[in-house]
């Protein structure tokens, strides 16, 4: 019973960070939620009896696989949709309205959102392995060993991917700031 509470606590704490990571890879909130939920279920079913120290790298390895699976699924579906569009006449344009978020300080919220969006776009542009290493090391605060387990590679590869990601982000965000 105690193990179950520890696992529930772990999953509750990891969920917001995992969502942000999945969203960067998938670019859709619902897809990111699906990937996180799938990873949580798999961790609980397959590894819930493991020691709490093992959960973090295992969870992120599972999450990575869930994100990759959804990305592959989208590529296949998008190829099919593109092919079908050649044979189906286009209809009326879709109209999408974004609800405005009423906040106490709209300007500060907008500036913060812009900075976050620039960072997310810069992270999304990184090659997949660099993005993964950066997010696991900087957002999830995993050490090199845990990140290597989660990514399924050597510690040296983690260090290389991470340093290249940091260099690319500094260059990209520096260019943005100079504009």
C-alpha atoms as a PDB file:
ATOM      1  CA  UNK A   1       0.000   0.000   0.000  1.00  0.00           C
ATOM      2  CA  UNK A   2       2.864   2.375   0.808  1.00  0.00           C
ATOM      3  CA  UNK A   3       4.473   1.637  -2.589  1.00  0.00           C
ATOM      4  CA  UNK A   4       1.244   2.580  -4.319  1.00  0.00           C
ATOM      5  CA  UNK A   5       1.116   5.942  -2.531  1.00  0.00           C
ATOM      6  CA  UNK A   6       4.750   6.608  -3.440  1.00  0.00           C
ATOM      7  CA  UNK A   7       4.043   5.798  -7.076  1.00  0.00           C
ATOM      8  CA  UNK A   8       0.947   8.018  -7.120  1.00  0.00           C
ATOM      9  CA  UNK A   9       2.964  10.836  -5.582  1.00  0.00           C
ATOM     10  CA  UNK A  10       5.736  10.369  -8.138  1.00  0.00           C
ATOM     11  CA  UNK A  11       3.271  10.442 -11.040  1.00  0.00           C
ATOM     12  CA  UNK A  12       1.473  13.499  -9.665  1.00  0.00           C
ATOM     13  CA  UNK A  13       4.784  15.371  -9.356  1.00  0.00           C
ATOM     14  CA  UNK A  14       6.184  14.361 -12.734  1.00  0.00           C
ATOM     15  CA  UNK A  15       3.004  15.049 -14.750  1.00  0.00           C
ATOM     16  CA  UNK A  16       3.368  18.817 -15.380  1.00  0.00           C
ATOM     17  CA  UNK A  17       7.009  18.560 -16.455  1.00  0.00           C
ATOM     18  CA  UNK A  18       6.339  15.481 -18.575  1.00  0.00           C
ATOM     19  CA  UNK A  19       3.473  17.306 -20.289  1.00  0.00           C
ATOM     20  CA  UNK A  20       5.750  20.208 -21.238  1.00  0.00           C
ATOM     21  CA  UNK A  21       8.315  17.820 -22.682  1.00  0.00           C
ATOM     22  CA  UNK A  22       5.719  15.843 -24.632  1.00  0.00           C
ATOM     23  CA  UNK A  23       4.069  19.021 -25.915  1.00  0.00           C
ATOM     24  CA  UNK A  24       7.316  20.283 -27.382  1.00  0.00           C
ATOM     25  CA  UNK A  25       7.761  17.019 -29.248  1.00  0.00           C
ATOM     26  CA  UNK A  26       4.142  16.664 -30.353  1.00  0.00           C
ATOM     27  CA  UNK A  27       3.007  20.315 -30.618  1.00  0.00           C
ATOM     28  CA  UNK A  28      -0.549  19.457 -29.567  1.00  0.00           C
ATOM     29  CA  UNK A  29      -1.897  19.533 -26.014  1.00  0.00           C
ATOM     30  CA  UNK A  30      -4.182  16.541 -26.443  1.00  0.00           C
ATOM     31  CA  UNK A  31      -1.446  14.420 -27.986  1.00  0.00           C
ATOM     32  CA  UNK A  32       0.920  15.403 -25.186  1.00  0.00           C
ATOM     33  CA  UNK A  33      -1.684  14.461 -22.568  1.00  0.00           C
ATOM     34  CA  UNK A  34      -2.197  11.113 -24.300  1.00  0.00           C
ATOM     35  CA  UNK A  35       1.543  10.403 -24.338  1.00  0.00           C
ATOM     36  CA  UNK A  36       1.953  11.300 -20.659  1.00  0.00           C
ATOM     37  CA  UNK A  37      -1.032   9.212 -19.637  1.00  0.00           C
ATOM     38  CA  UNK A  38       0.218   6.242 -21.647  1.00  0.00           C
ATOM     39  CA  UNK A  39       3.684   6.545 -20.084  1.00  0.00           C
ATOM     40  CA  UNK A  40       2.194   6.705 -16.587  1.00  0.00           C
ATOM     41  CA  UNK A  41       0.077   3.615 -17.161  1.00  0.00           C
ATOM     42  CA  UNK A  42       3.013   1.662 -18.564  1.00  0.00           C
ATOM     43  CA  UNK A  43       5.277   2.673 -15.686  1.00  0.00           C
ATOM     44  CA  UNK A  44       2.668   1.686 -13.098  1.00  0.00           C
ATOM     45  CA  UNK A  45       1.889  -1.655 -14.738  1.00  0.00           C
ATOM     46  CA  UNK A  46       5.382  -2.751 -15.665  1.00  0.00           C
ATOM     47  CA  UNK A  47       7.684  -1.072 -13.164  1.00  0.00           C
ATOM     48  CA  UNK A  48       5.566  -0.045 -10.190  1.00  0.00           C
ATOM     49  CA  UNK A  49       7.281  -2.657  -8.061  1.00  0.00           C
ATOM     50  CA  UNK A  50      10.771  -1.298  -8.803  1.00  0.00           C
ATOM     51  CA  UNK A  51      12.600   1.018  -6.411  1.00  0.00           C
ATOM     52  CA  UNK A  52      11.582   4.653  -6.422  1.00  0.00           C
ATOM     53  CA  UNK A  53      15.096   5.643  -7.606  1.00  0.00           C
ATOM     54  CA  UNK A  54      14.506   3.786 -10.872  1.00  0.00           C
ATOM     55  CA  UNK A  55      11.169   5.403 -11.733  1.00  0.00           C
ATOM     56  CA  UNK A  56      12.443   8.702 -13.128  1.00  0.00           C
ATOM     57  CA  UNK A  57      14.713   7.355 -15.875  1.00  0.00           C
ATOM     58  CA  UNK A  58      12.281   4.550 -16.644  1.00  0.00           C
ATOM     59  CA  UNK A  59       9.379   6.985 -16.913  1.00  0.00           C
ATOM     60  CA  UNK A  60      11.214   9.272 -19.321  1.00  0.00           C
ATOM     61  CA  UNK A  61      12.347   6.341 -21.459  1.00  0.00           C
ATOM     62  CA  UNK A  62       8.719   5.214 -21.687  1.00  0.00           C
ATOM     63  CA  UNK A  63       7.537   8.773 -22.397  1.00  0.00           C
ATOM     64  CA  UNK A  64      10.126   9.120 -25.165  1.00  0.00           C
ATOM     65  CA  UNK A  65       8.794   5.955 -26.807  1.00  0.00           C
ATOM     66  CA  UNK A  66       5.182   7.133 -26.484  1.00  0.00           C
ATOM     67  CA  UNK A  67       6.061  10.479 -28.094  1.00  0.00           C
ATOM     68  CA  UNK A  68       7.925   8.726 -30.927  1.00  0.00           C
ATOM     69  CA  UNK A  69       4.975   6.402 -31.503  1.00  0.00           C
ATOM     70  CA  UNK A  70       2.577   9.343 -31.783  1.00  0.00           C
ATOM     71  CA  UNK A  71       4.944  11.199 -34.091  1.00  0.00           C
ATOM     72  CA  UNK A  72       5.134   8.167 -36.399  1.00  0.00           C
ATOM     73  CA  UNK A  73       1.367   7.840 -36.299  1.00  0.00           C
ATOM     74  CA  UNK A  74       0.949  11.499 -37.285  1.00  0.00           C
ATOM     75  CA  UNK A  75       3.400  11.183 -40.172  1.00  0.00           C
ATOM     76  CA  UNK A  76       1.486   8.214 -41.531  1.00  0.00           C
ATOM     77  CA  UNK A  77      -1.872   9.922 -41.103  1.00  0.00           C
ATOM     78  CA  UNK A  78      -0.598  13.185 -42.650  1.00  0.00           C
ATOM     79  CA  UNK A  79       0.709  11.311 -45.683  1.00  0.00           C
ATOM     80  CA  UNK A  80      -2.686   9.694 -46.160  1.00  0.00           C
ATOM     81  CA  UNK A  81      -4.524  13.003 -45.741  1.00  0.00           C
ATOM     82  CA  UNK A  82      -2.252  14.715 -48.274  1.00  0.00           C
ATOM     83  CA  UNK A  83      -2.881  11.919 -50.756  1.00  0.00           C
ATOM     84  CA  UNK A  84      -6.658  12.052 -50.183  1.00  0.00           C
ATOM     85  CA  UNK A  85      -6.826  15.840 -50.612  1.00  0.00           C
ATOM     86  CA  UNK A  86      -5.966  15.414 -54.271  1.00  0.00           C
ATOM     87  CA  UNK A  87      -9.291  13.642 -54.766  1.00  0.00           C
ATOM     88  CA  UNK A  88     -11.587  15.544 -52.409  1.00  0.00           C
ATOM     89  CA  UNK A  89     -12.732  19.097 -53.260  1.00  0.00           C
ATOM     90  CA  UNK A  90     -11.879  21.680 -50.646  1.00  0.00           C
ATOM     91  CA  UNK A  91     -14.728  23.052 -48.583  1.00  0.00           C
ATOM     92  CA  UNK A  92     -15.156  26.230 -46.636  1.00  0.00           C
ATOM     93  CA  UNK A  93     -12.157  27.408 -44.657  1.00  0.00           C
ATOM     94  CA  UNK A  94     -12.166  26.440 -41.003  1.00  0.00           C
ATOM     95  CA  UNK A  95     -12.660  29.281 -38.565  1.00  0.00           C
ATOM     96  CA  UNK A  96     -10.835  28.984 -35.285  1.00  0.00           C
ATOM     97  CA  UNK A  97     -11.243  31.464 -32.465  1.00  0.00           C
ATOM     98  CA  UNK A  98      -8.819  31.703 -29.601  1.00  0.00           C
ATOM     99  CA  UNK A  99     -10.304  32.607 -26.236  1.00  0.00           C
ATOM    100  CA  UNK A 100      -8.587  35.547 -24.625  1.00  0.00           C
ATOM    101  CA  UNK A 101      -7.227  34.870 -21.179  1.00  0.00           C
ATOM    102  CA  UNK A 102      -8.176  37.621 -18.768  1.00  0.00           C
ATOM    103  CA  UNK A 103      -5.253  38.135 -16.437  1.00  0.00           C
ATOM    104  CA  UNK A 104      -4.424  40.758 -13.840  1.00  0.00           C
ATOM    105  CA  UNK A 105      -1.434  42.052 -15.847  1.00  0.00           C
ATOM    106  CA  UNK A 106      -1.976  41.333 -19.538  1.00  0.00           C
ATOM    107  CA  UNK A 107       1.253  42.989 -20.747  1.00  0.00           C
ATOM    108  CA  UNK A 108       3.458  41.027 -18.364  1.00  0.00           C
ATOM    109  CA  UNK A 109       1.623  37.823 -19.205  1.00  0.00           C
ATOM    110  CA  UNK A 110       2.016  38.497 -22.941  1.00  0.00           C
ATOM    111  CA  UNK A 111       5.746  39.178 -22.615  1.00  0.00           C
ATOM    112  CA  UNK A 112       6.222  36.061 -20.530  1.00  0.00           C
ATOM    113  CA  UNK A 113       4.241  34.012 -23.030  1.00  0.00           C
ATOM    114  CA  UNK A 114       6.328  35.397 -25.902  1.00  0.00           C
ATOM    115  CA  UNK A 115       9.583  34.465 -24.159  1.00  0.00           C
ATOM    116  CA  UNK A 116       8.274  30.997 -23.402  1.00  0.00           C
ATOM    117  CA  UNK A 117       7.066  30.571 -26.986  1.00  0.00           C
ATOM    118  CA  UNK A 118      10.465  31.600 -28.365  1.00  0.00           C
ATOM    119  CA  UNK A 119      12.176  29.121 -26.076  1.00  0.00           C
ATOM    120  CA  UNK A 120       9.739  26.330 -26.988  1.00  0.00           C
ATOM    121  CA  UNK A 121      10.211  27.017 -30.700  1.00  0.00           C
ATOM    122  CA  UNK A 122      13.988  27.013 -30.284  1.00  0.00           C
ATOM    123  CA  UNK A 123      13.868  23.738 -28.359  1.00  0.00           C
ATOM    124  CA  UNK A 124      11.512  22.219 -30.943  1.00  0.00           C
ATOM    125  CA  UNK A 125      14.024  23.051 -33.704  1.00  0.00           C
ATOM    126  CA  UNK A 126      16.756  21.028 -32.037  1.00  0.00           C
ATOM    127  CA  UNK A 127      17.469  17.558 -33.385  1.00  0.00           C
ATOM    128  CA  UNK A 128      15.461  14.980 -31.425  1.00  0.00           C
ATOM    129  CA  UNK A 129      18.369  13.571 -29.393  1.00  0.00           C
ATOM    130  CA  UNK A 130      19.661  17.040 -28.466  1.00  0.00           C
ATOM    131  CA  UNK A 131      16.166  18.149 -27.483  1.00  0.00           C
ATOM    132  CA  UNK A 132      15.691  15.046 -25.368  1.00  0.00           C
ATOM    133  CA  UNK A 133      19.045  15.432 -23.607  1.00  0.00           C
ATOM    134  CA  UNK A 134      18.418  19.126 -22.939  1.00  0.00           C
ATOM    135  CA  UNK A 135      14.927  18.609 -21.529  1.00  0.00           C
ATOM    136  CA  UNK A 136      15.885  15.673 -19.329  1.00  0.00           C
ATOM    137  CA  UNK A 137      18.972  17.422 -17.957  1.00  0.00           C
ATOM    138  CA  UNK A 138      17.638  20.983 -17.631  1.00  0.00           C
ATOM    139  CA  UNK A 139      13.915  20.641 -17.118  1.00  0.00           C
ATOM    140  CA  UNK A 140      13.793  17.316 -15.322  1.00  0.00           C
ATOM    141  CA  UNK A 141      17.139  17.802 -13.583  1.00  0.00           C
ATOM    142  CA  UNK A 142      18.225  14.223 -14.228  1.00  0.00           C
ATOM    143  CA  UNK A 143      21.908  13.496 -13.818  1.00  0.00           C
ATOM    144  CA  UNK A 144      23.990  12.214 -16.732  1.00  0.00           C
ATOM    145  CA  UNK A 145      23.591   8.579 -15.690  1.00  0.00           C
ATOM    146  CA  UNK A 146      19.795   8.786 -15.347  1.00  0.00           C
ATOM    147  CA  UNK A 147      19.543  10.635 -18.656  1.00  0.00           C
ATOM    148  CA  UNK A 148      21.623   7.947 -20.367  1.00  0.00           C
ATOM    149  CA  UNK A 149      19.243   5.279 -19.066  1.00  0.00           C
ATOM    150  CA  UNK A 150      16.185   7.260 -20.157  1.00  0.00           C
ATOM    151  CA  UNK A 151      17.632   7.904 -23.625  1.00  0.00           C
ATOM    152  CA  UNK A 152      19.055   4.424 -24.064  1.00  0.00           C
ATOM    153  CA  UNK A 153      22.572   5.650 -24.833  1.00  0.00           C
ATOM    154  CA  UNK A 154      25.961   6.156 -23.184  1.00  0.00           C
ATOM    155  CA  UNK A 155      26.794   8.923 -20.731  1.00  0.00           C
ATOM    156  CA  UNK A 156      29.251  10.331 -23.278  1.00  0.00           C
ATOM    157  CA  UNK A 157      26.447  10.628 -25.830  1.00  0.00           C
ATOM    158  CA  UNK A 158      24.304  12.448 -23.285  1.00  0.00           C
ATOM    159  CA  UNK A 159      27.103  14.944 -22.634  1.00  0.00           C
ATOM    160  CA  UNK A 160      27.638  15.504 -26.346  1.00  0.00           C
ATOM    161  CA  UNK A 161      23.945  15.924 -27.180  1.00  0.00           C
ATOM    162  CA  UNK A 162      23.405  18.222 -24.202  1.00  0.00           C
ATOM    163  CA  UNK A 163      26.364  20.494 -24.935  1.00  0.00           C
ATOM    164  CA  UNK A 164      25.360  20.796 -28.592  1.00  0.00           C
ATOM    165  CA  UNK A 165      21.793  21.628 -27.573  1.00  0.00           C
ATOM    166  CA  UNK A 166      22.919  24.326 -25.150  1.00  0.00           C
ATOM    167  CA  UNK A 167      25.228  25.837 -27.777  1.00  0.00           C
ATOM    168  CA  UNK A 168      22.458  25.840 -30.416  1.00  0.00           C
ATOM    169  CA  UNK A 169      19.931  27.391 -28.035  1.00  0.00           C
ATOM    170  CA  UNK A 170      22.370  30.127 -27.001  1.00  0.00           C
ATOM    171  CA  UNK A 171      23.040  30.937 -30.637  1.00  0.00           C
ATOM    172  CA  UNK A 172      19.369  30.903 -31.585  1.00  0.00           C
ATOM    173  CA  UNK A 173      18.055  32.814 -28.598  1.00  0.00           C
ATOM    174  CA  UNK A 174      20.927  35.264 -28.854  1.00  0.00           C
ATOM    175  CA  UNK A 175      19.886  35.976 -32.448  1.00  0.00           C
ATOM    176  CA  UNK A 176      16.314  36.518 -31.294  1.00  0.00           C
ATOM    177  CA  UNK A 177      17.375  38.927 -28.548  1.00  0.00           C
ATOM    178  CA  UNK A 178      19.452  41.011 -30.983  1.00  0.00           C
ATOM    179  CA  UNK A 179      16.468  41.667 -33.243  1.00  0.00           C
END
